């Protein structure tokens, strides 16, 4: 039986043997060797039925019009090229209440080269470190354990397990992001995770004591294949933790801008429990956490593992969802009006500022910001530019709106009257970083959950 401990210092022999179980293309390739997608690439599925339970989809949650892919930043050399816009029409299943988008493009087109690097957010790194400390203690993880992270990005989280000498394996489909993780010494497979890859890993002797998925469950079009893969690689007494924005908070806080094409689904605890139960897993605990405007972290195990009793926190949150009406279609049908109010208020503010001779710039170039700006029809005449800490985005333009992206120092050179914070979920971090705008009387603005001008 092949032992896979890919975070150890001497991995050459294991990696050589590992290739017999996972095709060469899953290991990190150079940009020049990736080439175009082949006929083997899975085509998008245009569904009129629920991607989980196959019930008909005919109830609208919200229709945000047309928008390009939120991470398809435009190069200066391509400013005269056309862009493809896709519907952002969100449905809710009347049977399992999974909120979902149609799949217009295959995941390969969205994620093979990705513009989001987790390590650029200080608060997110702090969240990751805190999680690693907590879960390592809770599960007694050590050098004999195996941790697997799905959508491991640039190694932002696994690096803290490596510091503890706990073996890790990252699985990340974006080659440009995975390269950063590899440079940090974090063994990473460049591959989309599902049942097929899980079977290859199991054949190679991999069984995970901990499977992690932070903000990835929403990004999977074939949810059943993904969760089936998790069940396959999870050890007999292993634990799965998944973090995702809580649908109830999305509705309560009017977070419609977190809807974009790379997020295929949006989850309540009740719906997540149904999905994992369909694949032989029990949700035994849940945490409510502040990240991304209000998320939940679920803990799952195999049904047969009775060593982990179901926490009262699960029953409590399920009861809260039921009291709020998340298991009724009526709950979902009023969301459109909330989104429209944000659009009208933000446009009114920007137009009034323009007429008064005020300058407005943005901070951040997140996916949520692109949804907001495209839904509102905002262009450089109302928002001159935005800035971002990610060097990958500098010199590029926001998709659809063609608003230029600069480095943060541009704020201090331009001295705008207002800075519109697009990643509102980390507004406190940003306001601290950019506090010097008070020197010229600059003020911060957020649009979600409602328009606010902040000191």
Protein backbone atom coordinates (compact mmCIF):
# COMPACT_ATOMS: atom_id res chain seq x y z
CA UNK A 1 0.00 0.00 0.00
CA UNK A 2 1.46 3.35 -1.03
CA UNK A 3 1.79 5.86 1.77
CA UNK A 4 1.17 9.48 0.78
CA UNK A 5 2.66 12.02 3.17
CA UNK A 6 3.34 14.75 0.67
CA UNK A 7 4.34 17.49 3.07
CA UNK A 8 7.41 15.65 4.36
CA UNK A 9 10.82 16.93 3.37
CA UNK A 10 11.77 13.87 1.31
CA UNK A 11 8.88 13.37 -1.13
CA UNK A 12 10.73 12.42 -4.30
CA UNK A 13 10.04 8.69 -4.12
CA UNK A 14 6.42 9.12 -3.12
CA UNK A 15 5.81 11.68 -5.85
CA UNK A 16 7.33 9.40 -8.47
CA UNK A 17 5.08 6.54 -7.40
CA UNK A 18 2.13 8.88 -7.02
CA UNK A 19 2.06 9.58 -10.76
CA UNK A 20 0.88 6.03 -11.45
CA UNK A 21 -2.36 6.88 -9.69
CA UNK A 22 -2.92 10.50 -10.81
CA UNK A 23 -2.41 11.51 -14.47
CA UNK A 24 0.56 13.75 -15.23
CA UNK A 25 -1.74 16.64 -16.14
CA UNK A 26 -2.86 16.93 -12.53
CA UNK A 27 0.59 17.96 -11.35
CA UNK A 28 1.47 21.62 -11.71
CA UNK A 29 2.37 22.39 -15.36
CA UNK A 30 4.15 25.40 -16.74
CA UNK A 31 1.98 28.05 -18.35
CA UNK A 32 3.45 27.24 -21.75
CA UNK A 33 2.59 23.55 -21.44
CA UNK A 34 -1.03 23.89 -20.38
CA UNK A 35 -2.37 24.55 -23.87
CA UNK A 36 -6.01 24.90 -24.81
CA UNK A 37 -8.81 22.86 -23.31
CA UNK A 38 -9.35 19.60 -25.15
CA UNK A 39 -12.44 17.69 -26.22
CA UNK A 40 -12.20 15.86 -22.89
CA UNK A 41 -13.16 19.06 -21.07
CA UNK A 42 -16.59 18.73 -19.56
CA UNK A 43 -19.13 21.00 -21.21
CA UNK A 44 -21.43 23.23 -19.16
CA UNK A 45 -24.81 21.81 -18.29
CA UNK A 46 -27.74 24.14 -18.94
CA UNK A 47 -30.17 22.82 -16.41
CA UNK A 48 -33.84 23.47 -15.79
CA UNK A 49 -33.73 21.02 -12.90
CA UNK A 50 -32.05 21.16 -9.50
CA UNK A 51 -28.38 20.16 -9.58
CA UNK A 52 -28.83 18.21 -6.34
CA UNK A 53 -32.28 16.59 -6.24
CA UNK A 54 -33.31 16.94 -9.93
CA UNK A 55 -36.61 18.66 -9.12
CA UNK A 56 -37.86 21.22 -11.69
CA UNK A 57 -36.44 24.75 -11.32
CA UNK A 58 -39.08 27.39 -11.91
CA UNK A 59 -38.96 29.72 -8.86
CA UNK A 60 -36.82 32.87 -9.14
CA UNK A 61 -34.72 34.02 -6.19
CA UNK A 62 -33.29 37.13 -7.88
CA UNK A 63 -32.50 38.26 -11.42
CA UNK A 64 -29.41 40.50 -11.58
CA UNK A 65 -29.44 40.91 -15.34
CA UNK A 66 -26.34 40.20 -17.41
CA UNK A 67 -22.73 40.18 -16.25
CA UNK A 68 -19.34 38.89 -17.46
CA UNK A 69 -17.36 36.35 -15.45
CA UNK A 70 -16.38 38.23 -12.32
CA UNK A 71 -12.69 37.29 -12.36
CA UNK A 72 -12.13 37.84 -16.10
CA UNK A 73 -10.07 41.00 -15.71
CA UNK A 74 -9.37 42.83 -18.95
CA UNK A 75 -5.84 43.56 -20.17
CA UNK A 76 -5.09 47.03 -21.51
CA UNK A 77 -4.32 45.46 -24.89
CA UNK A 78 -7.83 43.97 -25.00
CA UNK A 79 -9.86 47.07 -24.19
CA UNK A 80 -11.30 47.14 -27.70
CA UNK A 81 -12.19 43.45 -27.65
CA UNK A 82 -15.77 42.32 -26.96
CA UNK A 83 -16.77 40.61 -23.71
CA UNK A 84 -19.34 37.89 -23.17
CA UNK A 85 -22.09 38.59 -20.67
CA UNK A 86 -24.12 35.81 -19.07
CA UNK A 87 -27.42 35.90 -17.17
CA UNK A 88 -27.24 36.22 -13.39
CA UNK A 89 -30.69 34.74 -12.90
CA UNK A 90 -30.82 32.79 -9.65
CA UNK A 91 -33.39 30.08 -8.94
CA UNK A 92 -34.48 28.25 -5.80
CA UNK A 93 -35.49 24.59 -5.79
CA UNK A 94 -38.97 24.06 -4.38
CA UNK A 95 -38.01 20.62 -3.02
CA UNK A 96 -34.60 20.94 -1.33
CA UNK A 97 -34.39 24.78 -1.32
CA UNK A 98 -30.97 24.86 -2.91
CA UNK A 99 -30.44 28.34 -4.37
CA UNK A 100 -28.55 28.04 -7.63
CA UNK A 101 -27.41 29.50 -10.95
CA UNK A 102 -27.38 27.79 -14.28
CA UNK A 103 -23.95 26.67 -15.46
CA UNK A 104 -23.09 28.71 -18.55
CA UNK A 105 -19.36 27.97 -18.80
CA UNK A 106 -17.35 24.96 -17.64
CA UNK A 107 -15.31 25.31 -14.44
CA UNK A 108 -12.14 24.95 -16.53
CA UNK A 109 -12.84 28.31 -18.15
CA UNK A 110 -13.37 30.03 -14.80
CA UNK A 111 -10.75 28.46 -12.58
CA UNK A 112 -7.77 27.26 -14.65
CA UNK A 113 -6.18 30.69 -14.28
CA UNK A 114 -7.64 32.55 -11.33
CA UNK A 115 -7.21 36.11 -10.10
CA UNK A 116 -7.97 35.54 -6.42
CA UNK A 117 -5.05 34.96 -4.04
CA UNK A 118 -6.20 34.36 -0.47
CA UNK A 119 -2.98 35.53 1.16
CA UNK A 120 -3.55 39.20 0.27
CA UNK A 121 -6.09 39.57 3.11
CA UNK A 122 -4.53 39.91 6.55
CA UNK A 123 -7.83 39.15 8.29
CA UNK A 124 -8.33 35.99 6.23
CA UNK A 125 -4.83 34.78 7.11
CA UNK A 126 -5.60 35.38 10.78
CA UNK A 127 -8.82 33.40 10.38
CA UNK A 128 -6.89 30.53 8.76
CA UNK A 129 -4.25 30.44 11.49
CA UNK A 130 -6.90 30.42 14.21
CA UNK A 131 -8.74 27.56 12.52
CA UNK A 132 -5.57 25.45 12.21
CA UNK A 133 -4.75 25.93 15.88
CA UNK A 134 -8.28 24.99 16.93
CA UNK A 135 -8.84 21.98 14.66
CA UNK A 136 -5.35 20.56 15.28
CA UNK A 137 -6.08 20.50 18.99
CA UNK A 138 -9.65 19.25 18.61
CA UNK A 139 -8.67 16.30 16.38
CA UNK A 140 -5.24 15.71 17.94
CA UNK A 141 -3.55 16.02 14.55
CA UNK A 142 0.14 15.16 14.41
CA UNK A 143 2.87 13.85 12.11
CA UNK A 144 0.91 10.65 11.55
CA UNK A 145 -2.19 12.51 10.31
CA UNK A 146 -3.18 13.50 6.79
CA UNK A 147 -4.88 16.78 5.93
CA UNK A 148 -6.39 17.45 2.49
CA UNK A 149 -7.66 20.86 1.43
CA UNK A 150 -9.93 21.22 -1.59
CA UNK A 151 -9.45 24.50 -3.46
CA UNK A 152 -6.30 25.16 -1.45
CA UNK A 153 -5.53 28.37 -3.37
CA UNK A 154 -2.04 29.76 -2.69
CA UNK A 155 -1.40 27.73 0.45
CA UNK A 156 -2.79 30.43 2.72
CA UNK A 157 -4.14 27.79 5.19
CA UNK A 158 -2.04 24.67 4.68
CA UNK A 159 1.13 26.61 5.50
CA UNK A 160 0.07 26.65 9.15
CA UNK A 161 -0.30 22.85 9.21
CA UNK A 162 3.15 22.54 7.62
CA UNK A 163 4.55 24.69 10.43
CA UNK A 164 3.24 22.00 12.81
CA UNK A 165 4.80 19.22 10.70
CA UNK A 166 1.36 17.82 9.87
CA UNK A 167 1.32 16.20 6.38
CA UNK A 168 -0.85 18.04 3.88
CA UNK A 169 -2.07 17.79 0.31
CA UNK A 170 -3.61 20.72 -1.53
CA UNK A 171 -5.92 20.25 -4.51
CA UNK A 172 -6.28 23.43 -6.55
CA UNK A 173 -7.43 23.72 -10.19
CA UNK A 174 -5.88 27.17 -10.86
CA UNK A 175 -2.33 26.54 -12.04
CA UNK A 176 -1.13 30.11 -11.52
CA UNK A 177 -2.36 30.09 -7.91
CA UNK A 178 -1.11 26.58 -7.18
CA UNK A 179 2.36 27.61 -8.29
CA UNK A 180 2.55 30.02 -5.35
CA UNK A 181 1.64 27.20 -2.96
CA UNK A 182 4.29 24.95 -4.50
CA UNK A 183 6.88 27.69 -4.01
CA UNK A 184 5.96 27.64 -0.32
CA UNK A 185 6.72 23.92 -0.18
CA UNK A 186 3.07 22.83 -0.12
CA UNK A 187 2.47 19.78 -2.30
CA UNK A 188 -0.41 20.67 -4.61
CA UNK A 189 -2.31 18.85 -7.32
CA UNK A 190 -3.65 21.03 -10.12
CA UNK A 191 -6.95 19.29 -10.64
CA UNK A 192 -10.68 19.60 -10.17
CA UNK A 193 -11.78 17.41 -7.30
CA UNK A 194 -14.53 14.83 -7.68
CA UNK A 195 -15.27 11.15 -7.40
CA UNK A 196 -12.78 10.12 -10.12
CA UNK A 197 -9.82 11.91 -8.55
CA UNK A 198 -10.84 10.64 -5.12
CA UNK A 199 -10.76 7.07 -6.40
CA UNK A 200 -7.22 7.59 -7.75
CA UNK A 201 -6.07 9.03 -4.44
CA UNK A 202 -7.61 6.15 -2.49
CA UNK A 203 -5.94 3.67 -4.85
CA UNK A 204 -2.68 5.44 -3.97
CA UNK A 205 -3.25 4.81 -0.28
CA UNK A 206 -4.61 8.21 0.70
CA UNK A 207 -7.15 8.41 3.51
CA UNK A 208 -7.71 11.81 5.06
CA UNK A 209 -8.07 12.46 8.76
CA UNK A 210 -9.28 15.95 7.89
CA UNK A 211 -10.78 17.24 4.65
CA UNK A 212 -11.11 21.02 4.41
CA UNK A 213 -13.15 23.08 1.96
CA UNK A 214 -13.31 26.83 2.56
CA UNK A 215 -15.65 28.66 0.20
CA UNK A 216 -15.48 25.92 -2.43
CA UNK A 217 -18.80 24.11 -2.05
CA UNK A 218 -20.57 26.97 -3.83
CA UNK A 219 -18.13 26.78 -6.73
CA UNK A 220 -18.93 23.19 -7.71
CA UNK A 221 -21.49 22.63 -10.48
CA UNK A 222 -21.75 18.86 -9.92
CA UNK A 223 -22.39 18.91 -6.20
CA UNK A 224 -23.18 15.20 -5.94
CA UNK A 225 -19.93 14.16 -7.61
CA UNK A 226 -17.96 16.50 -5.34
CA UNK A 227 -19.47 15.31 -2.07
CA UNK A 228 -19.23 11.68 -3.18
CA UNK A 229 -15.50 12.26 -3.65
CA UNK A 230 -15.21 13.67 -0.14
CA UNK A 231 -16.93 10.59 1.31
CA UNK A 232 -14.51 8.38 -0.63
CA UNK A 233 -11.26 9.91 0.64
CA UNK A 234 -12.41 10.49 4.21
CA UNK A 235 -10.93 8.05 6.69
CA UNK A 236 -13.20 5.86 8.79
CA UNK A 237 -13.07 8.28 11.73
CA UNK A 238 -12.11 11.35 9.71
CA UNK A 239 -13.75 14.77 9.80
CA UNK A 240 -14.82 17.14 7.05
CA UNK A 241 -15.07 20.88 7.65
CA UNK A 242 -16.65 23.14 5.06
CA UNK A 243 -17.08 26.89 5.29
CA UNK A 244 -19.52 28.83 3.13
CA UNK A 245 -21.59 32.01 3.38
CA UNK A 246 -24.85 31.28 5.15
CA UNK A 247 -27.85 31.78 2.87
CA UNK A 248 -29.85 33.21 5.76
CA UNK A 249 -27.25 35.95 6.27
CA UNK A 250 -27.13 36.61 2.53
CA UNK A 251 -30.85 37.34 2.63
CA UNK A 252 -30.90 39.19 5.96
CA UNK A 253 -27.92 41.41 5.05
CA UNK A 254 -28.92 41.92 1.40
CA UNK A 255 -25.64 40.43 0.16
CA UNK A 256 -26.75 39.98 -3.44
CA UNK A 257 -23.31 41.01 -4.68
CA UNK A 258 -21.93 37.66 -3.48
CA UNK A 259 -23.82 36.12 -6.40
CA UNK A 260 -21.67 35.56 -9.49
CA UNK A 261 -21.12 32.88 -12.08
CA UNK A 262 -18.35 31.05 -10.27
CA UNK A 263 -20.74 30.53 -7.34
CA UNK A 264 -23.13 27.93 -8.69
CA UNK A 265 -25.01 27.32 -5.41
CA UNK A 266 -25.91 29.02 -2.11
CA UNK A 267 -26.58 27.00 1.03
CA UNK A 268 -28.61 26.95 4.18
CA UNK A 269 -27.63 24.47 6.88
CA UNK A 270 -30.76 22.43 6.12
CA UNK A 271 -29.90 22.03 2.46
CA UNK A 272 -26.25 21.23 3.19
CA UNK A 273 -27.35 18.55 5.64
CA UNK A 274 -29.57 16.96 2.96
CA UNK A 275 -26.70 16.90 0.47
CA UNK A 276 -24.20 15.28 2.82
CA UNK A 277 -26.80 12.81 4.09
CA UNK A 278 -27.40 11.67 0.51
CA UNK A 279 -23.74 10.56 0.46
CA UNK A 280 -23.65 8.76 3.80
CA UNK A 281 -22.37 11.59 5.97
CA UNK A 282 -23.78 13.23 9.09
CA UNK A 283 -23.35 16.88 10.03
CA UNK A 284 -22.46 16.65 13.71
CA UNK A 285 -21.50 20.24 14.51
CA UNK A 286 -21.70 23.77 13.15
CA UNK A 287 -20.04 27.10 13.92
CA UNK A 288 -21.43 30.49 12.97
CA UNK A 289 -18.49 32.68 11.93
CA UNK A 290 -18.10 36.28 10.80
CA UNK A 291 -16.17 35.76 7.57
CA UNK A 292 -17.63 36.87 4.23
CA UNK A 293 -20.47 38.72 5.86
CA UNK A 294 -21.62 35.77 7.94
CA UNK A 295 -20.70 32.17 7.22
CA UNK A 296 -21.14 28.77 8.78
CA UNK A 297 -18.56 26.04 9.24
CA UNK A 298 -20.04 22.56 9.14
CA UNK A 299 -18.41 19.44 10.59
CA UNK A 300 -19.26 16.12 8.94
CA UNK A 301 -18.40 12.46 9.52
CA UNK A 302 -19.39 9.10 8.10
CA UNK A 303 -22.81 7.95 9.26
CA UNK A 304 -21.19 4.82 10.74
CA UNK A 305 -18.81 6.84 12.94
CA UNK A 306 -20.77 7.11 16.19
CA UNK A 307 -17.79 8.48 18.11
CA UNK A 308 -18.90 12.05 17.30
CA UNK A 309 -22.41 12.79 18.61
CA UNK A 310 -24.50 15.47 16.93
CA UNK A 311 -24.14 18.81 18.73
CA UNK A 312 -27.11 20.80 19.96
CA UNK A 313 -25.80 23.66 17.80
CA UNK A 314 -26.96 21.78 14.71
CA UNK A 315 -30.51 21.41 15.99
CA UNK A 316 -30.57 25.01 17.17
CA UNK A 317 -29.54 26.49 13.82
CA UNK A 318 -31.89 24.17 11.90
CA UNK A 319 -34.72 25.32 14.15
CA UNK A 320 -33.78 28.97 13.55
CA UNK A 321 -33.82 28.44 9.78
CA UNK A 322 -37.22 26.82 9.98
CA UNK A 323 -38.59 29.67 12.09
CA UNK A 324 -37.29 32.14 9.50
CA UNK A 325 -39.04 30.23 6.74
CA UNK A 326 -36.06 28.94 4.76
CA UNK A 327 -38.07 25.80 3.95
CA UNK A 328 -40.80 27.84 2.20
CA UNK A 329 -40.68 29.48 -1.22
CA UNK A 330 -42.27 32.64 0.19
CA UNK A 331 -39.01 33.38 2.05
CA UNK A 332 -37.09 33.74 -1.23
CA UNK A 333 -39.54 35.77 -3.30
CA UNK A 334 -38.95 39.21 -1.73
CA UNK A 335 -35.20 39.37 -2.26
CA UNK A 336 -35.32 41.19 -5.60
CA UNK A 337 -36.75 44.34 -4.02
CA UNK A 338 -33.82 44.50 -1.56
CA UNK A 339 -31.28 44.33 -4.38
CA UNK A 340 -33.07 47.02 -6.37
CA UNK A 341 -33.01 49.43 -3.43
CA UNK A 342 -29.21 49.17 -3.19
CA UNK A 343 -28.89 49.86 -6.91
CA UNK A 344 -31.05 52.96 -6.79
CA UNK A 345 -29.39 54.35 -3.64
CA UNK A 346 -25.84 53.81 -4.91
CA UNK A 347 -26.55 55.35 -8.29
CA UNK A 348 -28.21 58.35 -6.66
CA UNK A 349 -25.19 58.88 -4.40
CA UNK A 350 -22.66 58.63 -7.24
CA UNK A 351 -24.63 60.90 -9.55
CA UNK A 352 -25.08 63.50 -6.82
CA UNK A 353 -21.35 63.34 -6.02
CA UNK A 354 -20.50 63.80 -9.70
CA UNK A 355 -22.78 66.80 -10.03
CA UNK A 356 -21.25 68.33 -6.90
CA UNK A 357 -17.74 68.02 -8.40
CA UNK A 358 -16.65 65.29 -5.99
CA UNK A 359 -14.26 62.50 -6.94
CA UNK A 360 -15.05 58.87 -6.12
CA UNK A 361 -12.58 55.95 -6.31
CA UNK A 362 -12.97 52.34 -5.31
CA UNK A 363 -11.03 50.03 -3.05
CA UNK A 364 -10.74 46.40 -4.07
CA UNK A 365 -11.47 44.37 -7.18
CA UNK A 366 -13.34 41.38 -5.72
CA UNK A 367 -15.92 39.26 -7.49
CA UNK A 368 -18.66 40.80 -5.37
CA UNK A 369 -17.63 44.25 -6.51
CA UNK A 370 -17.95 43.28 -10.15
CA UNK A 371 -21.46 41.95 -9.57
CA UNK A 372 -22.46 45.19 -7.84
CA UNK A 373 -20.96 47.51 -10.45
CA UNK A 374 -22.34 45.62 -13.44
CA UNK A 375 -25.80 45.29 -11.88
CA UNK A 376 -25.85 49.03 -11.20
CA UNK A 377 -24.40 49.94 -14.61
CA UNK A 378 -21.51 51.92 -13.06
CA UNK A 379 -18.67 52.95 -15.35
CA UNK A 380 -15.51 55.15 -15.01
CA UNK A 381 -17.57 58.33 -15.34
CA UNK A 382 -18.98 57.62 -11.85
CA UNK A 383 -16.12 55.55 -10.34
CA UNK A 384 -12.80 56.81 -11.71
CA UNK A 385 -10.66 53.83 -10.72
CA UNK A 386 -10.23 51.20 -8.05
CA UNK A 387 -7.16 49.88 -6.23
CA UNK A 388 -6.20 46.43 -4.99
CA UNK A 389 -3.34 44.85 -3.06
CA UNK A 390 -3.08 41.97 -5.56
CA UNK A 391 -0.26 42.75 -7.97
CA UNK A 392 -1.88 40.33 -10.44
CA UNK A 393 -4.69 42.85 -11.02
CA UNK A 394 -2.61 46.02 -11.39
CA UNK A 395 -2.84 47.54 -14.85
CA UNK A 396 -5.93 45.51 -15.70
CA UNK A 397 -9.55 46.59 -15.90
CA UNK A 398 -12.68 45.36 -14.18
CA UNK A 399 -14.76 43.04 -16.38
CA UNK A 400 -17.77 44.68 -17.97
CA UNK A 401 -17.32 48.10 -16.43
CA UNK A 402 -13.73 48.61 -17.72
CA UNK A 403 -12.79 50.55 -14.58
CA UNK A 404 -8.96 50.64 -14.24
CA UNK A 405 -7.24 48.87 -11.33
CA UNK A 406 -4.22 50.50 -9.68
CA UNK A 407 -2.03 49.81 -6.68
CA UNK A 408 -3.29 51.24 -3.35
CA UNK A 409 -0.88 54.19 -3.40
CA UNK A 410 -2.97 55.73 -6.19
CA UNK A 411 -5.57 56.67 -3.57
CA UNK A 412 -3.06 58.95 -1.85
CA UNK A 413 -1.98 60.50 -5.15
CA UNK A 414 -5.50 61.17 -6.44
CA UNK A 415 -6.96 62.18 -3.04
CA UNK A 416 -10.60 61.34 -3.88
CA UNK A 417 -13.43 62.70 -1.76
CA UNK A 418 -14.95 59.24 -1.34
CA UNK A 419 -13.58 55.69 -1.41
CA UNK A 420 -16.20 53.05 -2.20
CA UNK A 421 -15.17 49.84 -0.40
CA UNK A 422 -16.16 46.93 -2.65
CA UNK A 423 -15.04 44.04 -0.35
CA UNK A 424 -17.32 45.31 2.44
CA UNK A 425 -16.75 42.11 4.43
CA UNK A 426 -13.25 43.38 5.34
CA UNK A 427 -14.11 47.08 5.53
CA UNK A 428 -12.58 47.49 9.00
CA UNK A 429 -9.25 46.13 7.76
CA UNK A 430 -9.36 48.45 4.73
CA UNK A 431 -10.36 51.54 6.72
CA UNK A 432 -7.41 50.96 9.02
CA UNK A 433 -5.01 50.54 6.09
CA UNK A 434 -6.31 53.67 4.36
CA UNK A 435 -6.97 55.84 7.42
CA UNK A 436 -4.76 58.63 6.00
CA UNK A 437 -7.57 59.73 3.69
CA UNK A 438 -8.90 61.68 6.67
CA UNK A 439 -6.01 64.13 6.11
CA UNK A 440 -7.81 65.63 3.09
CA UNK A 441 -11.34 65.00 4.37
CA UNK A 442 -11.86 61.76 2.45
CA UNK A 443 -14.63 59.42 3.57
CA UNK A 444 -15.43 55.75 3.04
CA UNK A 445 -18.62 54.43 1.47
CA UNK A 446 -20.18 50.95 1.52
CA UNK A 447 -23.28 49.91 -0.40
CA UNK A 448 -24.14 46.61 1.33
CA UNK A 449 -26.44 45.96 3.17
CA UNK A 450 -27.44 49.58 2.61
CA UNK A 451 -25.63 52.73 1.53
CA UNK A 452 -23.48 54.18 4.31
CA UNK A 453 -20.98 57.07 4.27
CA UNK A 454 -18.41 56.39 7.00
CA UNK A 455 -15.90 58.64 8.69
